[in-house]
Amino acid sequence: MLLGDTNFIDLPLYIKGKVRNVYDLGDKLLIVVTDRISAFDVVFPNLIPNKGKVLNGISKFWFDYTRDIVDNHVITTDVSEYPEGLSKFKEELEGRSMLVKKIKMIPAECIVRGYLEGSGLKDYKATGSICGIKLPEGLRQADKLPEPIFTPSTKETEGHDQNVSFEGLCNAIGTELATKLRDISLALYEKASKYAESRGIILADTKFEFGILDGKIVLGDELFTPDSSRFWDMNEYEPGRAQKSFDKQFVREYLESIGWDKKPPAPTLPDDVVKNTELKYIEAYERITGNKFA
């Protein structure tokens, strides 16, 4: 079943993101992961079969795997345990939703980079640094960094998030909280990257979002998915060039080939791009979790 929207759910809509629809259940939230896909901050008319289930399943795996480092917002992914009235949507919600605690989100995106790519590569080429962290000279695209670095950004209500130095994050949310978020983020990245390597995957970088519940830091949003992280195949890793990744690689390559200006409306994706993207997401699920995608 393809799922592009969730208008059938008669609950207050809390947030509608590019991929996720979130509903307000008082002290809880229902997160539903659709099959929508976005690139360059634009949502496409196509749906990617099974994408929502893959992302939800990968997040569930990582939330379970990292509970020893920090508590997270997941209550259950079992639809039969959802509040009364939602069980009638079992077919639509099964495998692509989770019931979570409502937490007060911290207005920061906690990014950890272990390799030089993306906006970090752009900053490095311009300044030799990323978010104020000086790096060795002569690094190439996709090179492994001497050690993972914490490069936060502020969450903006409009426009793109803004990269800031650690000191800038301290000024925004307080030194004690910023320090805790940095330490937790680096610990999460270290544990996940070691596991990923055991599965033949490089976790190049990732982002986290945290909130506060009863005075404690709680990990929220999604976790180590192909939409929030760069995963590369260790067998194909070659520094000095862009790497093939377990996410929207086929979509991005197609868009570059047609010269799209990266502004709405998004073009319709060809069937082969949709199918190859679906297979790449499923491969990511199976490689990470060790389970066959049903």
C-alpha atoms as a PDB file:
ATOM      1  CA  MET A   1       0.000   0.000   0.000  1.00  0.00           C
ATOM      2  CA  LEU A   2       1.296   3.430  -0.998  1.00  0.00           C
ATOM      3  CA  LEU A   3       0.592   6.223   1.471  1.00  0.00           C
ATOM      4  CA  GLY A   4       0.859   9.832   0.366  1.00  0.00           C
ATOM      5  CA  ASP A   5      -1.291  11.486   3.004  1.00  0.00           C
ATOM      6  CA  THR A   6      -3.198  10.639   6.175  1.00  0.00           C
ATOM      7  CA  ASN A   7      -6.386  12.685   5.875  1.00  0.00           C
ATOM      8  CA  PHE A   8      -8.337   9.633   7.033  1.00  0.00           C
ATOM      9  CA  ILE A   9      -7.079  10.175  10.600  1.00  0.00           C
ATOM     10  CA  ASP A  10      -9.594  12.373  12.444  1.00  0.00           C
ATOM     11  CA  LEU A  11      -7.195  13.850  14.996  1.00  0.00           C
ATOM     12  CA  PRO A  12      -5.630  17.304  15.409  1.00  0.00           C
ATOM     13  CA  LEU A  13      -2.651  17.645  13.080  1.00  0.00           C
ATOM     14  CA  TYR A  14       0.373  18.661  15.164  1.00  0.00           C
ATOM     15  CA  ILE A  15       2.980  18.984  12.400  1.00  0.00           C
ATOM     16  CA  LYS A  16       3.038  18.102   8.716  1.00  0.00           C
ATOM     17  CA  GLY A  17       6.606  17.667   7.511  1.00  0.00           C
ATOM     18  CA  LYS A  18       7.970  16.754   4.111  1.00  0.00           C
ATOM     19  CA  VAL A  19       7.604  13.046   4.907  1.00  0.00           C
ATOM     20  CA  ARG A  20       6.005  12.715   8.353  1.00  0.00           C
ATOM     21  CA  ASN A  21       2.508  13.637   9.532  1.00  0.00           C
ATOM     22  CA  VAL A  22       2.287  14.051  13.304  1.00  0.00           C
ATOM     23  CA  TYR A  23      -0.984  14.009  15.271  1.00  0.00           C
ATOM     24  CA  ASP A  24      -1.697  15.424  18.721  1.00  0.00           C
ATOM     25  CA  LEU A  25      -2.981  12.970  21.335  1.00  0.00           C
ATOM     26  CA  GLY A  26      -2.598  15.198  24.376  1.00  0.00           C
ATOM     27  CA  ASP A  27       0.554  14.081  26.208  1.00  0.00           C
ATOM     28  CA  LYS A  28       1.442  11.784  23.303  1.00  0.00           C
ATOM     29  CA  LEU A  29       1.970  12.109  19.559  1.00  0.00           C
ATOM     30  CA  LEU A  30       1.261   9.752  16.677  1.00  0.00           C
ATOM     31  CA  ILE A  31       3.958   9.894  13.991  1.00  0.00           C
ATOM     32  CA  VAL A  32       3.015   8.488  10.590  1.00  0.00           C
ATOM     33  CA  VAL A  33       5.778   8.132   7.990  1.00  0.00           C
ATOM     34  CA  THR A  34       4.390   8.509   4.460  1.00  0.00           C
ATOM     35  CA  ASP A  35       5.960   7.429   1.173  1.00  0.00           C
ATOM     36  CA  ARG A  36       6.560  11.023   0.107  1.00  0.00           C
ATOM     37  CA  ILE A  37      10.048  11.953  -1.022  1.00  0.00           C
ATOM     38  CA  SER A  38      11.761  15.323  -1.088  1.00  0.00           C
ATOM     39  CA  ALA A  39      15.036  16.542  -2.541  1.00  0.00           C
ATOM     40  CA  PHE A  40      16.577  19.995  -2.239  1.00  0.00           C
ATOM     41  CA  ASP A  41      13.733  20.856   0.180  1.00  0.00           C
ATOM     42  CA  VAL A  42      11.035  20.228  -2.462  1.00  0.00           C
ATOM     43  CA  VAL A  43       8.444  17.438  -2.187  1.00  0.00           C
ATOM     44  CA  PHE A  44       7.904  15.385  -5.352  1.00  0.00           C
ATOM     45  CA  PRO A  45       4.612  14.215  -6.877  1.00  0.00           C
ATOM     46  CA  ASN A  46       5.810  10.589  -6.898  1.00  0.00           C
ATOM     47  CA  LEU A  47       5.582   8.256  -3.932  1.00  0.00           C
ATOM     48  CA  ILE A  48       8.386   5.759  -3.237  1.00  0.00           C
ATOM     49  CA  PRO A  49       6.870   2.345  -2.391  1.00  0.00           C
ATOM     50  CA  ASN A  50       7.764   1.100   1.105  1.00  0.00           C
ATOM     51  CA  LYS A  51       9.857   4.189   1.930  1.00  0.00           C
ATOM     52  CA  GLY A  52       7.769   5.064   4.981  1.00  0.00           C
ATOM     53  CA  LYS A  53       7.995   1.549   6.394  1.00  0.00           C
ATOM     54  CA  VAL A  54      11.749   1.441   5.806  1.00  0.00           C
ATOM     55  CA  LEU A  55      12.360   4.745   7.588  1.00  0.00           C
ATOM     56  CA  ASN A  56      10.083   3.829  10.486  1.00  0.00           C
ATOM     57  CA  GLY A  57      11.675   0.385  10.857  1.00  0.00           C
ATOM     58  CA  ILE A  58      15.220   1.740  10.793  1.00  0.00           C
ATOM     59  CA  SER A  59      14.398   4.384  13.400  1.00  0.00           C
ATOM     60  CA  LYS A  60      12.797   1.757  15.630  1.00  0.00           C
ATOM     61  CA  PHE A  61      15.915  -0.406  15.357  1.00  0.00           C
ATOM     62  CA  TRP A  62      18.248   2.439  16.341  1.00  0.00           C
ATOM     63  CA  PHE A  63      16.029   3.753  19.148  1.00  0.00           C
ATOM     64  CA  ASP A  64      16.148   0.267  20.700  1.00  0.00           C
ATOM     65  CA  TYR A  65      19.892  -0.063  20.076  1.00  0.00           C
ATOM     66  CA  THR A  66      20.840   3.238  21.749  1.00  0.00           C
ATOM     67  CA  ARG A  67      18.602   3.215  24.830  1.00  0.00           C
ATOM     68  CA  ASP A  68      21.668   2.664  27.016  1.00  0.00           C
ATOM     69  CA  ILE A  69      23.015   6.100  26.011  1.00  0.00           C
ATOM     70  CA  VAL A  70      19.901   8.276  26.228  1.00  0.00           C
ATOM     71  CA  ASP A  71      16.160   7.825  26.694  1.00  0.00           C
ATOM     72  CA  ASN A  72      14.017   8.341  23.598  1.00  0.00           C
ATOM     73  CA  HIS A  73      10.436   9.288  22.847  1.00  0.00           C
ATOM     74  CA  VAL A  74       9.147   5.927  21.568  1.00  0.00           C
ATOM     75  CA  ILE A  75       6.267   4.340  23.488  1.00  0.00           C
ATOM     76  CA  THR A  76       5.280   1.636  21.001  1.00  0.00           C
ATOM     77  CA  THR A  77       5.069   0.797  17.308  1.00  0.00           C
ATOM     78  CA  ASP A  78       2.373  -1.843  17.889  1.00  0.00           C
ATOM     79  CA  VAL A  79      -0.861  -0.467  16.421  1.00  0.00           C
ATOM     80  CA  SER A  80      -2.920  -2.707  18.726  1.00  0.00           C
ATOM     81  CA  GLU A  81      -1.522  -0.718  21.662  1.00  0.00           C
ATOM     82  CA  TYR A  82      -2.477   2.672  20.196  1.00  0.00           C
ATOM     83  CA  PRO A  83      -5.294   4.680  21.803  1.00  0.00           C
ATOM     84  CA  GLU A  84      -8.868   3.620  21.094  1.00  0.00           C
ATOM     85  CA  GLY A  85     -10.103   4.511  17.623  1.00  0.00           C
ATOM     86  CA  LEU A  86      -6.786   4.096  15.800  1.00  0.00           C
ATOM     87  CA  SER A  87      -6.938   0.301  15.541  1.00  0.00           C
ATOM     88  CA  LYS A  88      -9.405   0.648  12.642  1.00  0.00           C
ATOM     89  CA  PHE A  89      -6.501   2.079  10.627  1.00  0.00           C
ATOM     90  CA  LYS A  90      -4.262  -0.904  11.345  1.00  0.00           C
ATOM     91  CA  GLU A  91      -3.659  -1.642   7.652  1.00  0.00           C
ATOM     92  CA  GLU A  92      -2.597   1.941   6.919  1.00  0.00           C
ATOM     93  CA  LEU A  93      -0.511   2.444  10.079  1.00  0.00           C
ATOM     94  CA  GLU A  94       1.139  -0.971  10.478  1.00  0.00           C
ATOM     95  CA  GLY A  95       4.905  -0.724  10.108  1.00  0.00           C
ATOM     96  CA  ARG A  96       4.987   2.989   9.308  1.00  0.00           C
ATOM     97  CA  SER A  97       3.959   4.675  12.563  1.00  0.00           C
ATOM     98  CA  MET A  98       4.940   5.064  16.177  1.00  0.00           C
ATOM     99  CA  LEU A  99       3.262   6.358  19.323  1.00  0.00           C
ATOM    100  CA  VAL A 100       5.670   8.670  21.136  1.00  0.00           C
ATOM    101  CA  LYS A 101       5.904  10.873  24.197  1.00  0.00           C
ATOM    102  CA  LYS A 102       5.281  14.553  23.591  1.00  0.00           C
ATOM    103  CA  ILE A 103       8.516  16.323  24.493  1.00  0.00           C
ATOM    104  CA  LYS A 104       9.487  19.997  24.456  1.00  0.00           C
ATOM    105  CA  MET A 105      11.874  20.145  21.529  1.00  0.00           C
ATOM    106  CA  ILE A 106      15.193  21.959  21.878  1.00  0.00           C
ATOM    107  CA  PRO A 107      15.673  24.486  19.027  1.00  0.00           C
ATOM    108  CA  ALA A 108      18.898  22.943  17.760  1.00  0.00           C
ATOM    109  CA  GLU A 109      19.943  20.307  15.281  1.00  0.00           C
ATOM    110  CA  CYS A 110      22.806  18.224  16.635  1.00  0.00           C
ATOM    111  CA  ILE A 111      25.019  17.164  13.737  1.00  0.00           C
ATOM    112  CA  VAL A 112      27.999  14.821  14.003  1.00  0.00           C
ATOM    113  CA  ARG A 113      30.421  14.407  11.112  1.00  0.00           C
ATOM    114  CA  GLY A 114      32.961  11.630  10.790  1.00  0.00           C
ATOM    115  CA  TYR A 115      33.758  12.303   7.128  1.00  0.00           C
ATOM    116  CA  LEU A 116      34.100  15.418   4.979  1.00  0.00           C
ATOM    117  CA  GLU A 117      31.010  15.911   2.827  1.00  0.00           C
ATOM    118  CA  GLY A 118      28.006  18.152   2.221  1.00  0.00           C
ATOM    119  CA  SER A 119      27.877  21.608   3.789  1.00  0.00           C
ATOM    120  CA  GLY A 120      30.892  20.631   5.893  1.00  0.00           C
ATOM    121  CA  LEU A 121      32.966  20.153   2.746  1.00  0.00           C
ATOM    122  CA  LYS A 122      31.768  23.519   1.447  1.00  0.00           C
ATOM    123  CA  ASP A 123      32.774  25.264   4.689  1.00  0.00           C
ATOM    124  CA  TYR A 124      36.127  23.489   4.766  1.00  0.00           C
ATOM    125  CA  LYS A 125      36.974  24.561   1.229  1.00  0.00           C
ATOM    126  CA  ALA A 126      36.148  28.177   2.094  1.00  0.00           C
ATOM    127  CA  THR A 127      37.666  28.451   5.569  1.00  0.00           C
ATOM    128  CA  GLY A 128      39.618  25.297   6.439  1.00  0.00           C
ATOM    129  CA  SER A 129      37.146  24.822   9.293  1.00  0.00           C
ATOM    130  CA  ILE A 130      33.652  23.511   9.996  1.00  0.00           C
ATOM    131  CA  CYS A 131      31.545  25.461  12.500  1.00  0.00           C
ATOM    132  CA  GLY A 132      34.710  27.002  13.898  1.00  0.00           C
ATOM    133  CA  ILE A 133      36.554  23.682  14.247  1.00  0.00           C
ATOM    134  CA  LYS A 134      39.936  23.893  12.484  1.00  0.00           C
ATOM    135  CA  LEU A 135      40.745  20.824  10.381  1.00  0.00           C
ATOM    136  CA  PRO A 136      44.036  19.624   8.838  1.00  0.00           C
ATOM    137  CA  GLU A 137      44.990  21.030   5.449  1.00  0.00           C
ATOM    138  CA  GLY A 138      44.703  18.955   2.290  1.00  0.00           C
ATOM    139  CA  LEU A 139      41.616  16.919   3.114  1.00  0.00           C
ATOM    140  CA  ARG A 140      39.680  15.568   0.133  1.00  0.00           C
ATOM    141  CA  GLN A 141      35.981  15.099  -0.379  1.00  0.00           C
ATOM    142  CA  ALA A 142      34.733  12.119   1.676  1.00  0.00           C
ATOM    143  CA  ASP A 143      37.993  11.823   3.649  1.00  0.00           C
ATOM    144  CA  LYS A 144      37.654  10.445   7.160  1.00  0.00           C
ATOM    145  CA  LEU A 145      38.196  13.164   9.754  1.00  0.00           C
ATOM    146  CA  PRO A 146      40.855  12.731  12.473  1.00  0.00           C
ATOM    147  CA  GLU A 147      37.957  12.296  14.908  1.00  0.00           C
ATOM    148  CA  PRO A 148      34.187  12.852  14.756  1.00  0.00           C
ATOM    149  CA  ILE A 149      33.176  16.485  15.241  1.00  0.00           C
ATOM    150  CA  PHE A 150      30.020  18.096  16.623  1.00  0.00           C
ATOM    151  CA  THR A 151      28.727  20.797  14.261  1.00  0.00           C
ATOM    152  CA  PRO A 152      25.313  22.048  15.431  1.00  0.00           C
ATOM    153  CA  SER A 153      22.800  24.270  13.706  1.00  0.00           C
ATOM    154  CA  THR A 154      19.942  26.363  14.992  1.00  0.00           C
ATOM    155  CA  LYS A 155      16.368  25.417  14.082  1.00  0.00           C
ATOM    156  CA  GLU A 156      14.745  28.209  12.099  1.00  0.00           C
ATOM    157  CA  THR A 157      10.984  28.653  11.700  1.00  0.00           C
ATOM    158  CA  GLU A 158      11.555  30.016   8.198  1.00  0.00           C
ATOM    159  CA  GLY A 159      14.284  29.274   5.680  1.00  0.00           C
ATOM    160  CA  HIS A 160      17.259  26.979   6.182  1.00  0.00           C
ATOM    161  CA  ASP A 161      18.765  26.083   9.558  1.00  0.00           C
ATOM    162  CA  GLN A 162      21.912  28.048  10.343  1.00  0.00           C
ATOM    163  CA  ASN A 163      25.209  26.337  11.170  1.00  0.00           C
ATOM    164  CA  VAL A 164      26.749  27.681  14.379  1.00  0.00           C
ATOM    165  CA  SER A 165      29.873  27.077  16.422  1.00  0.00           C
ATOM    166  CA  PHE A 166      29.640  25.211  19.713  1.00  0.00           C
ATOM    167  CA  GLU A 167      30.027  28.567  21.455  1.00  0.00           C
ATOM    168  CA  GLY A 168      27.108  29.871  19.412  1.00  0.00           C
ATOM    169  CA  LEU A 169      24.974  26.933  20.563  1.00  0.00           C
ATOM    170  CA  CYS A 170      26.004  27.629  24.172  1.00  0.00           C
ATOM    171  CA  ASN A 171      24.833  31.219  23.759  1.00  0.00           C
ATOM    172  CA  ALA A 172      21.535  30.049  22.290  1.00  0.00           C
ATOM    173  CA  ILE A 173      20.529  27.309  24.754  1.00  0.00           C
ATOM    174  CA  GLY A 174      23.014  27.522  27.639  1.00  0.00           C
ATOM    175  CA  THR A 175      26.450  25.954  28.155  1.00  0.00           C
ATOM    176  CA  GLU A 176      25.320  23.077  30.386  1.00  0.00           C
ATOM    177  CA  LEU A 177      22.613  21.870  27.993  1.00  0.00           C
ATOM    178  CA  ALA A 178      24.799  22.386  24.908  1.00  0.00           C
ATOM    179  CA  THR A 179      27.613  20.356  26.492  1.00  0.00           C
ATOM    180  CA  LYS A 180      25.261  17.493  27.339  1.00  0.00           C
ATOM    181  CA  LEU A 181      23.848  17.455  23.806  1.00  0.00           C
ATOM    182  CA  ARG A 182      27.353  17.419  22.320  1.00  0.00           C
ATOM    183  CA  ASP A 183      28.496  14.543  24.519  1.00  0.00           C
ATOM    184  CA  ILE A 184      25.352  12.483  23.915  1.00  0.00           C
ATOM    185  CA  SER A 185      25.511  13.118  20.158  1.00  0.00           C
ATOM    186  CA  LEU A 186      29.132  11.997  19.901  1.00  0.00           C
ATOM    187  CA  ALA A 187      28.406   8.884  21.988  1.00  0.00           C
ATOM    188  CA  LEU A 188      25.433   7.985  19.754  1.00  0.00           C
ATOM    189  CA  TYR A 189      27.525   8.454  16.616  1.00  0.00           C
ATOM    190  CA  GLU A 190      30.399   6.366  17.974  1.00  0.00           C
ATOM    191  CA  LYS A 191      28.165   3.425  18.896  1.00  0.00           C
ATOM    192  CA  ALA A 192      26.158   3.529  15.660  1.00  0.00           C
ATOM    193  CA  SER A 193      29.179   3.964  13.377  1.00  0.00           C
ATOM    194  CA  LYS A 194      30.939   0.954  14.930  1.00  0.00           C
ATOM    195  CA  TYR A 195      27.825  -1.150  14.422  1.00  0.00           C
ATOM    196  CA  ALA A 196      27.388   0.109  10.853  1.00  0.00           C
ATOM    197  CA  GLU A 197      30.975  -0.833  10.034  1.00  0.00           C
ATOM    198  CA  SER A 198      30.222  -4.368  11.222  1.00  0.00           C
ATOM    199  CA  ARG A 199      27.507  -4.401   8.544  1.00  0.00           C
ATOM    200  CA  GLY A 200      29.855  -3.110   5.835  1.00  0.00           C
ATOM    201  CA  ILE A 201      28.490   0.429   5.986  1.00  0.00           C
ATOM    202  CA  ILE A 202      30.168   3.774   6.673  1.00  0.00           C
ATOM    203  CA  LEU A 203      28.107   6.243   8.693  1.00  0.00           C
ATOM    204  CA  ALA A 204      29.556   9.458   7.284  1.00  0.00           C
ATOM    205  CA  ASP A 205      27.453  11.927   9.230  1.00  0.00           C
ATOM    206  CA  THR A 206      24.082  12.255  10.907  1.00  0.00           C
ATOM    207  CA  LYS A 207      21.779  14.618  12.730  1.00  0.00           C
ATOM    208  CA  PHE A 208      19.785  14.349  15.938  1.00  0.00           C
ATOM    209  CA  GLU A 209      16.957  16.264  17.554  1.00  0.00           C
ATOM    210  CA  PHE A 210      16.391  16.265  21.287  1.00  0.00           C
ATOM    211  CA  GLY A 211      13.716  17.472  23.666  1.00  0.00           C
ATOM    212  CA  ILE A 212      13.080  17.789  27.369  1.00  0.00           C
ATOM    213  CA  LEU A 213      10.591  15.737  29.385  1.00  0.00           C
ATOM    214  CA  ASP A 214      10.351  15.951  33.168  1.00  0.00           C
ATOM    215  CA  GLY A 215      13.656  17.809  33.230  1.00  0.00           C
ATOM    216  CA  LYS A 216      15.540  15.092  31.319  1.00  0.00           C
ATOM    217  CA  ILE A 217      17.000  15.053  27.804  1.00  0.00           C
ATOM    218  CA  VAL A 218      15.052  12.765  25.458  1.00  0.00           C
ATOM    219  CA  LEU A 219      16.007  11.771  21.911  1.00  0.00           C
ATOM    220  CA  GLY A 220      13.212  12.443  19.410  1.00  0.00           C
ATOM    221  CA  ASP A 221      12.335  12.742  15.721  1.00  0.00           C
ATOM    222  CA  GLU A 222      13.978  10.023  13.550  1.00  0.00           C
ATOM    223  CA  LEU A 223      17.272   8.232  14.145  1.00  0.00           C
ATOM    224  CA  PHE A 224      20.076   7.115  11.796  1.00  0.00           C
ATOM    225  CA  THR A 225      17.825   6.798   8.765  1.00  0.00           C
ATOM    226  CA  PRO A 226      18.959   7.353   5.159  1.00  0.00           C
ATOM    227  CA  ASP A 227      16.993  10.634   5.314  1.00  0.00           C
ATOM    228  CA  SER A 228      18.898  11.958   8.340  1.00  0.00           C
ATOM    229  CA  SER A 229      22.309  10.365   7.729  1.00  0.00           C
ATOM    230  CA  ARG A 230      24.817   9.607   4.989  1.00  0.00           C
ATOM    231  CA  PHE A 231      25.416   5.870   4.665  1.00  0.00           C
ATOM    232  CA  TRP A 232      28.100   4.646   2.251  1.00  0.00           C
ATOM    233  CA  ASP A 233      29.021   1.131   1.169  1.00  0.00           C
ATOM    234  CA  MET A 234      32.483   0.282   2.548  1.00  0.00           C
ATOM    235  CA  ASN A 235      33.249  -1.827  -0.530  1.00  0.00           C
ATOM    236  CA  GLU A 236      32.768   1.159  -2.842  1.00  0.00           C
ATOM    237  CA  TYR A 237      34.344   3.819  -0.627  1.00  0.00           C
ATOM    238  CA  GLU A 238      36.930   5.917  -2.414  1.00  0.00           C
ATOM    239  CA  PRO A 239      37.906   9.341  -0.997  1.00  0.00           C
ATOM    240  CA  GLY A 240      38.295  12.258  -3.372  1.00  0.00           C
ATOM    241  CA  ARG A 241      34.876  11.951  -4.992  1.00  0.00           C
ATOM    242  CA  ALA A 242      31.198  11.831  -4.119  1.00  0.00           C
ATOM    243  CA  GLN A 243      30.151   8.452  -2.723  1.00  0.00           C
ATOM    244  CA  LYS A 244      27.106   6.407  -3.640  1.00  0.00           C
ATOM    245  CA  SER A 245      24.685   6.509  -0.732  1.00  0.00           C
ATOM    246  CA  PHE A 246      21.741   4.506   0.598  1.00  0.00           C
ATOM    247  CA  ASP A 247      19.122   7.165   0.075  1.00  0.00           C
ATOM    248  CA  LYS A 248      18.103   9.572  -2.688  1.00  0.00           C
ATOM    249  CA  GLN A 249      21.171   9.030  -4.850  1.00  0.00           C
ATOM    250  CA  PHE A 250      19.155   8.012  -7.928  1.00  0.00           C
ATOM    251  CA  VAL A 251      16.798  10.951  -7.456  1.00  0.00           C
ATOM    252  CA  ARG A 252      19.623  13.482  -7.132  1.00  0.00           C
ATOM    253  CA  GLU A 253      21.497  12.077 -10.131  1.00  0.00           C
ATOM    254  CA  TYR A 254      18.373  12.219 -12.274  1.00  0.00           C
ATOM    255  CA  LEU A 255      17.626  15.801 -11.241  1.00  0.00           C
ATOM    256  CA  GLU A 256      21.168  16.880 -12.037  1.00  0.00           C
ATOM    257  CA  SER A 257      20.932  15.194 -15.447  1.00  0.00           C
ATOM    258  CA  ILE A 258      17.811  17.147 -16.463  1.00  0.00           C
ATOM    259  CA  GLY A 259      19.097  20.490 -15.192  1.00  0.00           C
ATOM    260  CA  TRP A 260      16.181  21.136 -12.815  1.00  0.00           C
ATOM    261  CA  ASP A 261      16.537  24.531 -11.099  1.00  0.00           C
ATOM    262  CA  LYS A 262      15.669  22.997  -7.698  1.00  0.00           C
ATOM    263  CA  LYS A 263      12.633  25.206  -7.292  1.00  0.00           C
ATOM    264  CA  PRO A 264       8.956  24.163  -7.042  1.00  0.00           C
ATOM    265  CA  PRO A 265       7.155  22.591  -8.704  1.00  0.00           C
ATOM    266  CA  ALA A 266       9.145  19.366  -8.647  1.00  0.00           C
ATOM    267  CA  PRO A 267       9.259  17.293 -11.831  1.00  0.00           C
ATOM    268  CA  THR A 268       7.720  13.840 -12.021  1.00  0.00           C
ATOM    269  CA  LEU A 269      10.295  11.104 -11.538  1.00  0.00           C
ATOM    270  CA  PRO A 270      10.614   8.283 -14.143  1.00  0.00           C
ATOM    271  CA  ASP A 271       9.537   4.785 -13.099  1.00  0.00           C
ATOM    272  CA  ASP A 272      13.098   3.436 -13.089  1.00  0.00           C
ATOM    273  CA  VAL A 273      14.265   6.188 -10.715  1.00  0.00           C
ATOM    274  CA  VAL A 274      11.368   5.430  -8.368  1.00  0.00           C
ATOM    275  CA  LYS A 275      12.051   1.666  -8.439  1.00  0.00           C
ATOM    276  CA  ASN A 276      15.813   1.996  -7.941  1.00  0.00           C
ATOM    277  CA  THR A 277      15.231   4.391  -5.042  1.00  0.00           C
ATOM    278  CA  GLU A 278      12.818   1.937  -3.420  1.00  0.00           C
ATOM    279  CA  LEU A 279      15.356  -0.888  -3.736  1.00  0.00           C
ATOM    280  CA  LYS A 280      18.120   1.287  -2.240  1.00  0.00           C
ATOM    281  CA  TYR A 281      15.996   2.109   0.811  1.00  0.00           C
ATOM    282  CA  ILE A 282      15.131  -1.568   1.285  1.00  0.00           C
ATOM    283  CA  GLU A 283      18.804  -2.503   0.982  1.00  0.00           C
ATOM    284  CA  ALA A 284      19.595   0.034   3.701  1.00  0.00           C
ATOM    285  CA  TYR A 285      16.970  -1.525   5.983  1.00  0.00           C
ATOM    286  CA  GLU A 286      18.240  -5.058   5.460  1.00  0.00           C
ATOM    287  CA  ARG A 287      21.924  -4.162   5.766  1.00  0.00           C
ATOM    288  CA  ILE A 288      21.388  -2.141   8.954  1.00  0.00           C
ATOM    289  CA  THR A 289      18.869  -4.284  10.830  1.00  0.00           C
ATOM    290  CA  GLY A 290      20.028  -7.681   9.589  1.00  0.00           C
ATOM    291  CA  ASN A 291      16.387  -8.550   8.903  1.00  0.00           C
ATOM    292  CA  LYS A 292      14.672  -9.342   5.614  1.00  0.00           C
ATOM    293  CA  PHE A 293      12.253  -6.585   4.634  1.00  0.00           C
ATOM    294  CA  ALA A 294       8.755  -8.085   4.609  1.00  0.00           C
END
